[in-house]
Amino acid sequence: MTAYTFNQLFDFTRTTSATYVGSNGLIQTTPASVNLLTYTQEFDNAVWGKSEVTVTANATTAPDGTSTADKLVESTANSLHTLIRNITTTAVPYTWSCYIKAGERTFAFLYHLETNSGVSINLLTGATGTPSGTVAPTAATVTNAGNGWYRLTMTATATAATNSFRIYTATSLTGSAVYTGDGTSGIFIWGAQLEANTAATTYTRNNGGVYPARFDYDPVTLAPKGILIEEQRTNLFTYSNDFADASWVVLGAKNLVANSTVSPDGGTNASTLTDNSAVAFQGINKTLSVANDTASYTASIYVRKTTGGTSATFGFNLQLSGGTLVAASPRLNTDTGVLISGTATVQNAGAYWRLSATVTNNTTGNTTLSLAVYPATAPHGVATDSSAAIGSAIIYGTQMEAGTFATSYIPTVASQVTRSADQTSIVAPMFAPWYNQTEGTFVVSLTMLALNTVTTQEALQVDDGSSNNTTFLRGNNTAGSTSSSATTGGVAQGFIDIGGASAGVIQNIALAIKLNDAAMVRNGGAVSTDTTYSVPTGQTRAFIGTRNTGFASINGHIRSIRYFPFRASNNQLQVLTT
C-alpha cells in the first residue's frame, strides 16, 4: 500500500486567505504559499500558455512517486517550442524552478523574458549553460532528484509589471532554441515554482489557489475537527476589530479602551467597551445600506467570558429598518454562555463566547442594516433591558455576512473582505487506482456549522466530469435530511433518505452502493436501503465537502473519509459508523 500526503492525493483550491483555529486553540490566518504559481503540476491547464507545444498530462512517474508528471511535446514547426507563464511581479529578485527529465529531447532551458536571461541543462548529464542569444541569470542551480529528474533553478530581478517565465525544449546546451520539431518528441516536466526569493526553497504544490486547506481544532479541547470546508462569504463590516474607528458610531458615549486584552487570535487586540451611565444605554453601532429584498444577514461578535456572577448582561441589537422592522436582540450571560433572551447561537470559543444572530428582510422597504453593541443591557443575568445598568465587556471580531448562519471570522480594515470557497477533490491519476466502478462503500465523519435551507450540503460527490453520471452523499438536503442519490446517463436513479440532519454534532455516515443493492446508515442506527439503485459508471473524480460546481458546500468539517471497494454488509455499515 502506498501512502500519500494530502497535497499529493487531493486537489485543493481557495483563492484567498482564511481563518481557522490552530492546534493551540487560537484563531490563525492561512498564509499565502511561497509558490506564486497555480496549477504547478497541471501544465495542460489553460493558465499555462503553449507556443508550438502540447502537453500530455500524467505521462510518467514524478519525483514524488506519483504518476503526475506531464510531457511537453514539440510541434513540427521551425520555431521556439515554449511553455509560458505570465504573472504580475514587483521589482525584486524571483527564483524560477522546475523539475525536468529527458524524453526524446535531452536539452531544455528556463527563461525570463524581461531580463532576457536563461539557463539550459543537458538532461543526460546535468551540465548547465547559457543558451544562444540570452544572458546568464544572476544565479542558477541544478539538483539531481533521482530517476533521471533534475531540478533546474534560475534567479533574476523582475520588473514591476507582468513578467513572462518560460520553459523551452532544445537541441543543444548553448545553441539556439529555434529548430524544426517532429511533432512527437519532448521532455517531461513537473513541480514548477516561482518565488520572491534569491534561491529556490522546497517545492510546494498549488492547484487552483495559493492558499492551503484549513485543518481546524476545537478551541476548548484542542481536539482536531477535520478539514474546514465553507462557501464563499464576505464580511460586510469594515474595521471589524477596530472599534475606535469613526465608522463605529457612538451610542450615548464611546467608552472604549482599544487593544486592552488578549484576543482569540492570541494578540493583545481585544477592546474593552464600557457603559458607565446609570441613566442611558451606551455602546457602539455600525450601519450598512442593503437591498429591499428577502436576503438574510447574520451578525457575530466575540465577547470574553466572565466569572463571579456580577457582570452586566451583554447584548446586541441587529435590525433591518426603513420599512417593517425586523430585529434580533440576543442577551447573553457571559459567565455561563446561556442565552437569557432572544434567538441566537452561542459558540464556546475558548476564553470567549461567539454570539451570532440572523435577520431576514421582508421587501417592505427595509434598506438599512445595523448592529448596535451594548456592554450592559441589564444587571447580571437579567433579560429585561434597563438603562440603569452599568458594566464592561471585552469584545473582538465583528462580522456581518449575507446568509443564515455565521462562518469563520473574516478580518477587515478599510474595506470589505471576501473569503473564497474551499474546494477539495481527487482527480486523475490519483482517483482510478482505488475506485471500484461497480460497487463500493464510503464512510464519512462530518460536522456541519448549521443546516442550510437554501441549498444542499454535499459531503461527497463522485462523477465522470459532468452531471450525467454522479453519486451524491448529502449531509443535509434542503428538507433537513441526510440523503444520497445518483444519476446514470443523466437520468435520476436511486434515492435514500435517512432523515434527521443535525448541526454542531459529529455524524458518521456510511453509503454502500451496488446494482439494485444500496444502503445508508448513520451512527450505527437503522439501515435504509434502495433495491432499484443503478450504479453510475465511467466516474473519474471525487469532490469532498462540495459539489463539482464549487457550490453546495458542507459548511463544516470533514473529519475523515474511508472507502472500501466493495459493498459492505448492512451489519458492517452499522459497525463502521458506531
Protein backbone atom coordinates (compact mmCIF):
# COMPACT_ATOMS: atom_id res chain seq x y z
CA MET A 1 0.00 0.00 0.00
CA THR A 2 1.33 3.42 -0.94
CA ALA A 3 0.87 6.31 1.48
CA TYR A 4 0.26 9.78 0.07
CA THR A 5 0.27 13.21 1.66
CA PHE A 6 -2.79 15.46 1.49
CA ASN A 7 -1.18 17.58 -1.25
CA GLN A 8 -0.33 14.51 -3.31
CA LEU A 9 -3.77 12.92 -3.18
CA PHE A 10 -6.10 15.92 -3.07
CA ASP A 11 -6.52 18.93 -5.33
CA PHE A 12 -7.39 21.84 -3.04
CA THR A 13 -8.50 25.28 -4.18
CA ARG A 14 -9.17 28.50 -2.32
CA THR A 15 -8.01 31.79 -3.84
CA THR A 16 -7.97 33.89 -0.66
CA SER A 17 -6.66 33.61 2.86
CA ALA A 18 -8.99 32.40 5.59
CA THR A 19 -9.03 31.89 9.34
CA TYR A 20 -9.18 28.71 11.37
CA VAL A 21 -8.48 27.56 14.92
CA GLY A 22 -4.99 26.12 15.24
CA SER A 23 -3.79 23.31 17.49
CA ASN A 24 -3.04 25.95 20.15
CA GLY A 25 -6.72 26.97 20.26
CA LEU A 26 -6.08 30.41 18.71
CA ILE A 27 -7.54 31.92 15.55
CA GLN A 28 -4.92 31.80 12.81
CA THR A 29 -4.83 33.02 9.22
CA THR A 30 -3.68 30.82 6.35
CA PRO A 31 -0.56 32.37 4.81
CA ALA A 32 -0.08 32.53 1.08
CA SER A 33 2.15 29.85 -0.38
CA VAL A 34 5.76 30.78 -1.14
CA ASN A 35 5.00 29.36 -4.58
CA LEU A 36 3.29 32.15 -6.51
CA LEU A 37 2.08 29.85 -9.28
CA THR A 38 -1.13 27.86 -9.51
CA TYR A 39 -1.62 24.50 -11.29
CA THR A 40 2.02 23.78 -10.57
CA GLN A 41 1.79 20.19 -11.84
CA GLU A 42 -1.14 20.56 -14.25
CA PHE A 43 0.65 22.05 -17.26
CA ASP A 44 -2.26 21.15 -19.51
CA ASN A 45 -4.33 23.77 -17.67
CA ALA A 46 -5.14 26.93 -19.64
CA VAL A 47 -3.20 29.16 -17.24
CA TRP A 48 -0.07 27.80 -18.96
CA GLY A 49 0.42 29.31 -22.42
CA LYS A 50 1.61 26.98 -25.18
CA SER A 51 3.52 28.07 -28.26
CA GLU A 52 4.28 25.24 -30.69
CA VAL A 53 3.94 22.66 -27.93
CA THR A 54 1.24 20.44 -26.49
CA VAL A 55 1.04 18.86 -23.06
CA THR A 56 0.28 15.22 -22.32
CA ALA A 57 -0.99 15.05 -18.75
CA ASN A 58 0.17 12.43 -16.23
CA ALA A 59 2.58 10.86 -18.70
CA THR A 60 5.14 9.40 -16.29
CA THR A 61 6.18 8.99 -12.67
CA ALA A 62 7.09 12.23 -10.92
CA PRO A 63 9.94 12.77 -8.45
CA ASP A 64 7.50 12.19 -5.55
CA GLY A 65 6.46 8.76 -6.86
CA THR A 66 3.03 9.76 -8.15
CA SER A 67 2.01 9.41 -11.80
CA THR A 68 1.57 13.17 -12.16
CA ALA A 69 4.45 14.31 -14.38
CA ASP A 70 3.45 15.78 -17.75
CA LYS A 71 5.14 15.59 -21.13
CA LEU A 72 5.90 18.73 -23.13
CA VAL A 73 5.68 17.73 -26.79
CA GLU A 74 7.04 19.88 -29.64
CA SER A 75 5.14 20.72 -32.82
CA THR A 76 6.53 20.26 -36.35
CA ALA A 77 7.18 23.98 -36.79
CA ASN A 78 10.62 25.54 -37.27
CA SER A 79 10.24 27.70 -34.21
CA LEU A 80 10.68 28.08 -30.48
CA HIS A 81 8.77 25.37 -28.62
CA THR A 82 7.62 27.06 -25.45
CA LEU A 83 5.56 26.67 -22.27
CA ILE A 84 4.69 30.13 -20.91
CA ARG A 85 3.51 31.51 -17.58
CA ASN A 86 2.81 35.23 -17.19
CA ILE A 87 2.47 36.64 -13.69
CA THR A 88 2.40 40.11 -12.14
CA THR A 89 5.56 40.80 -10.16
CA THR A 90 7.32 43.57 -8.27
CA ALA A 91 10.85 44.84 -8.90
CA VAL A 92 12.64 42.26 -6.71
CA PRO A 93 14.57 39.04 -7.37
CA TYR A 94 12.49 35.98 -8.26
CA THR A 95 13.63 32.38 -8.48
CA TRP A 96 12.03 30.27 -11.19
CA SER A 97 12.39 26.49 -10.95
CA CYS A 98 11.04 23.27 -12.40
CA TYR A 99 11.78 19.55 -12.33
CA ILE A 100 12.75 18.33 -15.82
CA LYS A 101 13.55 14.89 -17.24
CA ALA A 102 14.78 13.81 -20.66
CA GLY A 103 12.34 12.37 -23.14
CA GLU A 104 13.23 12.17 -26.80
CA ARG A 105 14.74 15.61 -26.32
CA THR A 106 17.66 15.77 -23.92
CA PHE A 107 18.10 19.53 -23.61
CA ALA A 108 15.83 22.20 -22.12
CA PHE A 109 16.09 25.63 -20.57
CA LEU A 110 14.34 28.09 -18.26
CA TYR A 111 13.96 31.68 -19.41
CA HIS A 112 12.84 35.08 -18.09
CA LEU A 113 11.70 37.31 -20.93
CA GLU A 114 12.05 40.73 -19.30
CA THR A 115 15.78 40.30 -18.50
CA ASN A 116 16.48 38.01 -21.48
CA SER A 117 18.15 35.64 -19.05
CA GLY A 118 18.17 31.87 -19.26
CA VAL A 119 19.86 28.70 -18.10
CA SER A 120 19.98 25.46 -20.10
CA ILE A 121 20.51 21.88 -18.99
CA ASN A 122 21.79 18.66 -20.51
CA LEU A 123 19.23 16.22 -19.12
CA LEU A 124 21.58 13.25 -19.53
CA THR A 125 24.48 14.72 -17.56
CA GLY A 126 23.04 17.61 -15.52
CA ALA A 127 25.51 20.08 -17.08
CA THR A 128 24.22 23.65 -17.42
CA GLY A 129 24.96 26.50 -19.79
CA THR A 130 23.66 29.75 -21.27
CA PRO A 131 21.53 29.38 -24.42
CA SER A 132 22.48 31.37 -27.50
CA GLY A 133 21.03 34.88 -27.57
CA THR A 134 20.40 35.04 -23.82
CA VAL A 135 22.38 36.25 -20.83
CA ALA A 136 23.19 34.29 -17.72
CA PRO A 137 20.79 34.82 -14.79
CA THR A 138 22.08 36.25 -11.53
CA ALA A 139 22.10 32.72 -10.10
CA ALA A 140 21.32 29.20 -11.29
CA THR A 141 21.45 25.73 -9.74
CA VAL A 142 20.78 22.16 -10.74
CA THR A 143 19.89 19.34 -8.33
CA ASN A 144 19.79 15.66 -9.22
CA ALA A 145 16.38 14.45 -7.96
CA GLY A 146 16.90 10.82 -8.99
CA ASN A 147 15.38 8.59 -11.68
CA GLY A 148 16.59 10.97 -14.41
CA TRP A 149 14.97 14.04 -12.87
CA TYR A 150 16.78 17.33 -12.32
CA ARG A 151 15.51 20.43 -10.53
CA LEU A 152 16.73 23.44 -12.51
CA THR A 153 16.53 26.92 -10.97
CA MET A 154 17.37 30.44 -12.09
CA THR A 155 17.17 33.82 -10.34
CA ALA A 156 16.57 37.20 -11.98
CA THR A 157 15.25 40.58 -10.87
CA ALA A 158 11.79 41.12 -12.29
CA THR A 159 10.07 44.34 -13.29
CA ALA A 160 7.04 45.81 -11.56
CA ALA A 161 4.69 44.57 -14.28
CA THR A 162 3.53 41.36 -15.87
CA ASN A 163 6.58 39.15 -16.35
CA SER A 164 6.91 36.06 -18.51
CA PHE A 165 8.61 32.88 -17.25
CA ARG A 166 9.16 30.12 -19.79
CA ILE A 167 10.36 26.56 -20.42
CA TYR A 168 11.82 25.60 -23.82
CA THR A 169 12.73 22.28 -25.35
CA ALA A 170 16.12 22.50 -27.06
CA THR A 171 18.62 20.52 -29.16
CA SER A 172 21.85 21.69 -27.53
CA LEU A 173 23.21 23.34 -24.40
CA THR A 174 24.35 26.64 -25.89
CA GLY A 175 22.72 26.79 -29.31
CA SER A 176 19.53 28.50 -30.42
CA ALA A 177 16.24 27.06 -29.22
CA VAL A 178 14.73 27.54 -32.68
CA TYR A 179 14.54 24.20 -34.50
CA THR A 180 12.18 22.10 -36.59
CA GLY A 181 10.29 19.68 -34.39
CA ASP A 182 8.96 16.26 -35.32
CA GLY A 183 5.60 16.51 -33.58
CA THR A 184 6.23 13.67 -31.13
CA SER A 185 9.46 14.38 -29.25
CA GLY A 186 9.64 16.22 -25.98
CA ILE A 187 10.68 16.38 -22.32
CA PHE A 188 8.97 15.56 -19.03
CA ILE A 189 8.18 18.33 -16.52
CA TRP A 190 6.79 18.53 -13.00
CA GLY A 191 6.68 20.83 -9.99
CA ALA A 192 7.02 24.38 -11.28
CA GLN A 193 7.71 27.07 -8.68
CA LEU A 194 8.14 30.85 -8.72
CA GLU A 195 9.06 32.62 -5.51
CA ALA A 196 10.12 36.10 -4.47
CA ASN A 197 13.48 34.91 -3.23
CA THR A 198 17.12 34.75 -4.27
CA ALA A 199 17.15 30.95 -4.07
CA ALA A 200 14.70 28.08 -4.51
CA THR A 201 13.06 26.60 -1.44
CA THR A 202 11.35 23.22 -1.07
CA TYR A 203 8.73 22.70 -3.75
CA THR A 204 5.14 23.47 -2.70
CA ARG A 205 2.31 22.23 -4.85
CA ASN A 206 -0.58 24.60 -5.59
CA ASN A 207 -3.71 23.76 -7.51
CA GLY A 208 -6.27 26.48 -8.29
CA GLY A 209 -5.21 28.77 -5.44
CA VAL A 210 -2.13 29.64 -3.45
CA TYR A 211 -3.73 29.31 0.00
CA PRO A 212 -3.70 25.97 1.84
CA ALA A 213 -6.54 23.94 3.31
CA ARG A 214 -7.60 24.61 6.90
CA PHE A 215 -7.29 21.82 9.43
CA ASP A 216 -9.37 23.13 12.30
CA TYR A 217 -9.19 22.41 16.05
CA ASP A 218 -11.63 22.76 18.90
CA PRO A 219 -10.73 25.99 20.77
CA VAL A 220 -11.65 24.41 24.13
CA THR A 221 -10.45 20.80 24.00
CA LEU A 222 -7.82 21.35 21.26
CA ALA A 223 -9.09 18.15 19.60
CA PRO A 224 -8.78 18.08 15.78
CA LYS A 225 -12.07 18.76 13.99
CA GLY A 226 -11.00 17.96 10.42
CA ILE A 227 -10.71 19.96 7.24
CA LEU A 228 -12.93 23.06 7.24
CA ILE A 229 -14.94 23.45 4.02
CA GLU A 230 -17.01 26.64 3.63
CA GLU A 231 -18.83 28.50 0.90
CA GLN A 232 -17.77 31.95 -0.23
CA ARG A 233 -18.68 34.69 2.23
CA THR A 234 -17.96 38.43 2.63
CA ASN A 235 -17.56 40.35 5.87
CA LEU A 236 -19.66 43.41 5.03
CA PHE A 237 -18.33 45.33 8.04
CA THR A 238 -15.16 47.34 7.64
CA TYR A 239 -12.83 47.80 10.62
CA SER A 240 -14.16 44.55 12.02
CA ASN A 241 -11.90 44.75 15.08
CA ASP A 242 -11.06 48.47 15.20
CA PHE A 243 -13.91 49.76 17.32
CA ALA A 244 -12.15 53.12 17.76
CA ASP A 245 -12.68 53.86 14.06
CA ALA A 246 -15.25 56.54 13.28
CA SER A 247 -17.36 54.03 11.31
CA TRP A 248 -18.39 52.65 14.72
CA VAL A 249 -20.84 55.34 15.78
CA VAL A 250 -21.25 56.41 19.41
CA LEU A 251 -24.39 55.33 21.23
CA GLY A 252 -24.59 57.67 24.21
CA ALA A 253 -20.82 57.67 24.69
CA LYS A 254 -17.96 55.58 23.34
CA ASN A 255 -16.11 54.45 26.44
CA LEU A 256 -13.57 52.25 24.73
CA VAL A 257 -10.10 51.05 25.63
CA ALA A 258 -8.64 49.64 22.43
CA ASN A 259 -6.18 46.73 22.46
CA SER A 260 -6.72 46.14 26.15
CA THR A 261 -6.79 42.35 26.35
CA VAL A 262 -5.53 39.17 24.74
CA SER A 263 -7.95 38.18 21.98
CA PRO A 264 -8.98 34.86 20.41
CA ASP A 265 -6.05 35.21 17.98
CA GLY A 266 -3.50 35.49 20.79
CA GLY A 267 -2.68 39.15 20.20
CA THR A 268 -3.45 42.00 22.59
CA ASN A 269 -6.06 43.43 20.29
CA ALA A 270 -9.41 42.85 22.01
CA SER A 271 -11.11 46.02 23.27
CA THR A 272 -12.92 46.92 26.48
CA LEU A 273 -16.29 48.62 25.93
CA THR A 274 -17.90 50.22 28.99
CA ASP A 275 -21.31 51.62 29.88
CA ASN A 276 -20.80 53.88 32.91
CA SER A 277 -24.10 55.74 32.73
CA ALA A 278 -26.86 54.90 35.18
CA VAL A 279 -29.43 56.79 33.12
CA ALA A 280 -28.74 55.83 29.49
CA PHE A 281 -27.55 52.96 27.33
CA GLN A 282 -24.02 53.32 25.99
CA GLY A 283 -22.35 51.33 23.22
CA ILE A 284 -21.38 51.42 19.56
CA ASN A 285 -23.24 50.98 16.29
CA LYS A 286 -22.49 50.36 12.62
CA THR A 287 -24.91 50.56 9.67
CA LEU A 288 -25.00 49.38 6.07
CA SER A 289 -27.25 50.08 3.10
CA VAL A 290 -28.87 46.93 1.74
CA ALA A 291 -31.38 45.99 -0.94
CA ASN A 292 -35.12 45.85 -0.25
CA ASP A 293 -35.38 42.11 -0.83
CA THR A 294 -35.64 38.82 1.08
CA ALA A 295 -31.94 38.34 1.88
CA SER A 296 -30.81 37.07 5.28
CA TYR A 297 -27.93 38.58 7.25
CA THR A 298 -26.02 37.14 10.18
CA ALA A 299 -24.05 39.26 12.65
CA SER A 300 -21.48 37.81 15.05
CA ILE A 301 -19.08 39.07 17.71
CA TYR A 302 -16.67 37.55 20.21
CA VAL A 303 -17.18 38.56 23.87
CA ARG A 304 -14.82 37.48 26.63
CA LYS A 305 -16.07 35.09 29.29
CA THR A 306 -16.55 36.46 32.80
CA THR A 307 -16.74 34.95 36.27
CA GLY A 308 -18.23 35.87 39.60
CA GLY A 309 -21.88 36.45 38.78
CA THR A 310 -21.54 40.24 38.75
CA SER A 311 -21.01 41.18 35.10
CA ALA A 312 -23.82 43.08 33.42
CA THR A 313 -25.87 41.32 30.76
CA PHE A 314 -24.22 41.69 27.34
CA GLY A 315 -26.26 42.07 24.20
CA PHE A 316 -26.57 43.41 20.69
CA ASN A 317 -29.43 44.66 18.56
CA LEU A 318 -29.39 43.56 14.92
CA GLN A 319 -32.07 45.12 12.78
CA LEU A 320 -33.33 45.89 9.29
CA SER A 321 -35.18 49.20 9.17
CA GLY A 322 -36.85 51.60 6.77
CA GLY A 323 -39.99 49.53 6.26
CA THR A 324 -41.48 46.98 8.60
CA LEU A 325 -38.76 46.50 11.19
CA VAL A 326 -37.02 43.12 11.52
CA ALA A 327 -34.82 42.70 14.60
CA ALA A 328 -32.87 40.22 16.68
CA SER A 329 -31.79 41.25 20.19
CA PRO A 330 -29.96 38.44 21.98
CA ARG A 331 -28.93 38.88 25.61
CA LEU A 332 -26.08 36.78 26.97
CA ASN A 333 -24.88 35.70 30.40
CA THR A 334 -21.13 35.98 29.81
CA ASP A 335 -20.37 33.80 32.86
CA THR A 336 -22.21 30.74 31.58
CA GLY A 337 -22.78 31.34 27.88
CA VAL A 338 -26.50 30.90 28.45
CA LEU A 339 -28.73 32.92 26.16
CA ILE A 340 -31.02 34.84 28.51
CA SER A 341 -33.37 36.16 25.83
CA GLY A 342 -33.70 36.42 22.09
CA THR A 343 -32.86 33.95 19.36
CA ALA A 344 -29.18 33.43 18.67
CA THR A 345 -26.33 30.95 18.55
CA VAL A 346 -23.61 30.86 21.21
CA GLN A 347 -20.32 29.16 20.35
CA ASN A 348 -17.75 28.29 23.01
CA ALA A 349 -14.56 29.85 21.62
CA GLY A 350 -12.18 29.14 24.48
CA ALA A 351 -11.70 32.28 26.56
CA TYR A 352 -14.54 33.91 24.59
CA TRP A 353 -18.10 33.27 23.53
CA ARG A 354 -19.03 33.93 19.91
CA LEU A 355 -22.57 35.28 19.75
CA SER A 356 -24.40 35.32 16.40
CA ALA A 357 -27.94 36.11 15.26
CA THR A 358 -29.80 36.36 11.95
CA VAL A 359 -32.44 38.62 10.43
CA THR A 360 -34.26 38.17 7.11
CA ASN A 361 -35.56 41.09 5.06
CA ASN A 362 -39.21 41.26 4.03
CA THR A 363 -39.49 43.53 0.93
CA THR A 364 -41.34 46.22 2.90
CA GLY A 365 -38.75 48.93 2.32
CA ASN A 366 -36.03 47.95 4.77
CA THR A 367 -32.77 49.30 3.32
CA THR A 368 -30.72 49.93 6.48
CA LEU A 369 -28.95 47.10 8.26
CA SER A 370 -27.45 47.95 11.65
CA LEU A 371 -25.70 46.33 14.58
CA ALA A 372 -25.67 48.02 18.00
CA VAL A 373 -23.38 46.52 20.65
CA TYR A 374 -24.13 47.09 24.34
CA PRO A 375 -21.81 46.01 27.16
CA ALA A 376 -24.55 46.44 29.79
CA THR A 377 -28.16 45.96 28.77
CA ALA A 378 -29.29 44.96 32.27
CA PRO A 379 -27.89 43.79 35.62
CA HIS A 380 -26.20 40.40 35.70
CA GLY A 381 -28.39 37.59 34.37
CA VAL A 382 -31.42 39.84 33.76
CA ALA A 383 -33.25 39.66 30.43
CA THR A 384 -35.26 42.89 30.68
CA ASP A 385 -33.27 45.88 29.43
CA SER A 386 -32.52 48.61 31.93
CA SER A 387 -30.74 51.86 31.12
CA ALA A 388 -29.58 51.96 34.74
CA ALA A 389 -27.24 49.00 34.16
CA ILE A 390 -23.54 49.71 34.06
CA GLY A 391 -20.58 47.48 33.28
CA SER A 392 -17.93 46.47 30.74
CA ALA A 393 -17.44 43.80 28.12
CA ILE A 394 -14.32 42.78 26.23
CA ILE A 395 -15.12 42.38 22.53
CA TYR A 396 -13.34 41.20 19.40
CA GLY A 397 -14.01 40.44 15.76
CA THR A 398 -17.39 41.56 14.46
CA GLN A 399 -18.76 40.09 11.27
CA MET A 400 -21.80 40.83 9.13
CA GLU A 401 -22.41 38.37 6.33
CA ALA A 402 -25.20 37.53 3.92
CA GLY A 403 -26.51 34.13 4.99
CA THR A 404 -28.48 32.36 7.67
CA PHE A 405 -25.54 31.32 9.86
CA ALA A 406 -22.10 32.57 10.84
CA THR A 407 -18.97 31.24 9.17
CA SER A 408 -15.32 31.56 10.16
CA TYR A 409 -14.15 35.04 11.05
CA ILE A 410 -13.01 37.27 8.16
CA PRO A 411 -10.87 40.20 9.44
CA THR A 412 -11.30 43.54 7.68
CA VAL A 413 -9.79 47.01 7.87
CA ALA A 414 -10.75 49.79 5.44
CA SER A 415 -12.73 47.63 3.02
CA GLN A 416 -14.99 44.61 2.94
CA VAL A 417 -13.18 41.28 2.52
CA THR A 418 -14.36 38.15 0.72
CA ARG A 419 -13.20 34.67 1.62
CA SER A 420 -13.50 32.46 -1.47
CA ALA A 421 -14.99 28.97 -1.35
CA ASP A 422 -13.00 25.90 -0.36
CA GLN A 423 -12.98 23.04 -2.84
CA THR A 424 -11.27 19.68 -2.36
CA SER A 425 -11.21 16.90 -4.94
CA ILE A 426 -9.41 13.76 -6.05
CA VAL A 427 -8.86 13.58 -9.80
CA ALA A 428 -6.81 11.63 -12.33
CA PRO A 429 -4.42 9.96 -11.94
CA MET A 430 -4.98 9.65 -8.17
CA PHE A 431 -8.65 8.60 -8.47
CA ALA A 432 -8.67 5.49 -10.66
CA PRO A 433 -6.32 3.20 -8.68
CA TRP A 434 -8.66 2.91 -5.71
CA TYR A 435 -12.19 3.41 -7.05
CA ASN A 436 -14.38 0.43 -7.99
CA GLN A 437 -16.86 1.41 -10.70
CA THR A 438 -19.37 -1.35 -9.88
CA GLU A 439 -19.64 -1.32 -6.09
CA GLY A 440 -18.15 0.31 -3.01
CA THR A 441 -18.67 1.80 0.42
CA PHE A 442 -17.95 5.31 1.69
CA VAL A 443 -17.82 6.10 5.40
CA VAL A 444 -17.74 9.83 6.15
CA SER A 445 -17.42 11.50 9.54
CA LEU A 446 -18.56 15.12 9.47
CA THR A 447 -19.98 18.08 11.34
CA MET A 448 -21.96 21.00 9.91
CA LEU A 449 -21.88 24.56 11.27
CA ALA A 450 -25.61 24.93 10.61
CA LEU A 451 -28.30 23.48 8.37
CA ASN A 452 -28.71 25.29 5.06
CA THR A 453 -32.33 25.53 3.92
CA VAL A 454 -31.43 27.16 0.58
CA THR A 455 -29.01 24.66 -0.99
CA THR A 456 -27.88 21.13 -0.24
CA GLN A 457 -24.76 20.48 1.81
CA GLU A 458 -22.71 17.90 -0.02
CA ALA A 459 -20.45 15.61 1.94
CA LEU A 460 -19.30 13.81 -1.18
CA GLN A 461 -19.84 13.71 -4.93
CA VAL A 462 -18.31 11.26 -7.38
CA ASP A 463 -18.80 11.93 -11.11
CA ASP A 464 -17.47 11.45 -14.63
CA GLY A 465 -16.54 15.08 -15.22
CA SER A 466 -20.16 16.04 -15.87
CA SER A 467 -23.51 15.79 -14.10
CA ASN A 468 -24.57 12.78 -16.17
CA ASN A 469 -23.08 10.04 -14.01
CA THR A 470 -22.95 11.08 -10.39
CA THR A 471 -23.15 9.69 -6.88
CA PHE A 472 -24.14 12.14 -4.13
CA LEU A 473 -23.90 11.85 -0.36
CA ARG A 474 -25.56 14.84 1.27
CA GLY A 475 -25.01 15.82 4.87
CA ASN A 476 -28.18 17.86 4.53
CA ASN A 477 -30.70 18.46 1.77
CA THR A 478 -32.99 21.48 1.86
CA ALA A 479 -35.61 19.43 3.69
CA GLY A 480 -33.25 18.85 6.62
CA SER A 481 -32.42 15.24 5.77
CA THR A 482 -29.25 13.26 5.23
CA SER A 483 -29.62 11.52 1.89
CA SER A 484 -27.94 10.03 -1.16
CA SER A 485 -28.86 9.92 -4.81
CA ALA A 486 -27.41 9.06 -8.21
CA THR A 487 -27.73 9.81 -11.90
CA THR A 488 -26.82 7.41 -14.68
CA GLY A 489 -26.71 8.69 -18.23
CA GLY A 490 -28.32 11.89 -17.00
CA VAL A 491 -31.33 10.04 -15.57
CA ALA A 492 -32.07 10.18 -11.84
CA GLN A 493 -31.63 6.80 -10.17
CA GLY A 494 -31.69 5.64 -6.57
CA PHE A 495 -32.54 7.85 -3.61
CA ILE A 496 -32.12 7.06 0.08
CA ASP A 497 -33.24 9.41 2.85
CA ILE A 498 -32.22 8.67 6.44
CA GLY A 499 -33.64 11.95 7.77
CA GLY A 500 -32.54 13.93 10.78
CA ALA A 501 -29.62 16.02 9.56
CA SER A 502 -28.02 17.75 12.55
CA ALA A 503 -25.73 20.74 13.03
CA GLY A 504 -22.88 21.00 15.50
CA VAL A 505 -22.60 17.28 16.27
CA ILE A 506 -20.42 14.53 14.84
CA GLN A 507 -22.25 12.34 12.34
CA ASN A 508 -20.73 9.13 10.99
CA ILE A 509 -22.50 8.26 7.75
CA ALA A 510 -22.00 5.22 5.52
CA LEU A 511 -23.17 4.83 1.92
CA ALA A 512 -22.83 1.42 0.22
CA ILE A 513 -23.67 1.05 -3.49
CA LYS A 514 -24.11 -1.90 -5.80
CA LEU A 515 -26.55 -2.63 -8.61
CA ASN A 516 -30.03 -2.74 -7.04
CA ASP A 517 -28.46 -3.02 -3.61
CA ALA A 518 -27.66 0.33 -1.94
CA ALA A 519 -27.83 1.27 1.72
CA MET A 520 -27.21 4.13 4.14
CA VAL A 521 -26.80 4.33 7.89
CA ARG A 522 -25.85 6.97 10.44
CA ASN A 523 -24.11 6.47 13.80
CA GLY A 524 -24.82 2.74 13.92
CA GLY A 525 -28.59 3.18 13.61
CA ALA A 526 -31.19 1.61 11.39
CA VAL A 527 -30.17 0.77 7.81
CA SER A 528 -32.14 2.32 4.94
CA THR A 529 -31.95 0.54 1.58
CA ASP A 530 -32.77 1.02 -2.10
CA THR A 531 -33.22 -2.05 -4.32
CA THR A 532 -33.59 -0.07 -7.58
CA TYR A 533 -30.17 1.58 -7.50
CA SER A 534 -28.34 1.81 -10.84
CA VAL A 535 -24.64 2.43 -10.17
CA PRO A 536 -23.10 5.21 -12.33
CA THR A 537 -20.07 4.19 -14.41
CA GLY A 538 -17.14 5.95 -16.01
CA GLN A 539 -16.51 8.04 -12.91
CA THR A 540 -13.20 9.88 -12.80
CA ARG A 541 -13.15 12.16 -9.76
CA ALA A 542 -14.47 12.76 -6.26
CA PHE A 543 -15.34 16.06 -4.58
CA ILE A 544 -15.07 16.25 -0.81
CA GLY A 545 -17.43 18.59 1.04
CA THR A 546 -18.67 20.30 -2.13
CA ARG A 547 -20.25 19.62 -5.49
CA ASN A 548 -18.34 19.85 -8.78
CA THR A 549 -19.56 23.39 -9.36
CA GLY A 550 -17.87 24.57 -6.16
CA PHE A 551 -21.24 25.29 -4.55
CA ALA A 552 -23.39 23.25 -2.15
CA SER A 553 -20.66 23.38 0.47
CA ILE A 554 -20.90 21.20 3.58
CA ASN A 555 -20.16 24.39 5.56
CA GLY A 556 -18.49 22.40 8.25
CA HIS A 557 -15.79 19.84 8.86
CA ILE A 558 -14.95 16.63 7.06
CA ARG A 559 -13.33 14.71 9.88
CA SER A 560 -12.44 11.58 7.95
CA ILE A 561 -13.35 9.58 4.85
CA ARG A 562 -12.88 5.85 4.42
CA TYR A 563 -13.51 3.92 1.22
CA PHE A 564 -13.89 0.16 0.68
CA PRO A 565 -14.00 -1.18 -2.91
CA PHE A 566 -16.89 -3.49 -2.09
CA ARG A 567 -20.48 -3.24 -0.89
CA ALA A 568 -20.13 -3.71 2.87
CA SER A 569 -22.89 -5.69 4.57
CA ASN A 570 -25.60 -3.88 6.48
CA ASN A 571 -24.15 -5.11 9.77
CA GLN A 572 -20.72 -3.84 8.72
CA LEU A 573 -22.22 -0.43 7.91
CA GLN A 574 -23.60 -0.20 11.42
CA VAL A 575 -20.27 -1.18 12.97
CA LEU A 576 -18.30 1.22 10.75
CA THR A 577 -20.45 4.16 11.86
CA THR A 578 -20.60 3.38 15.57
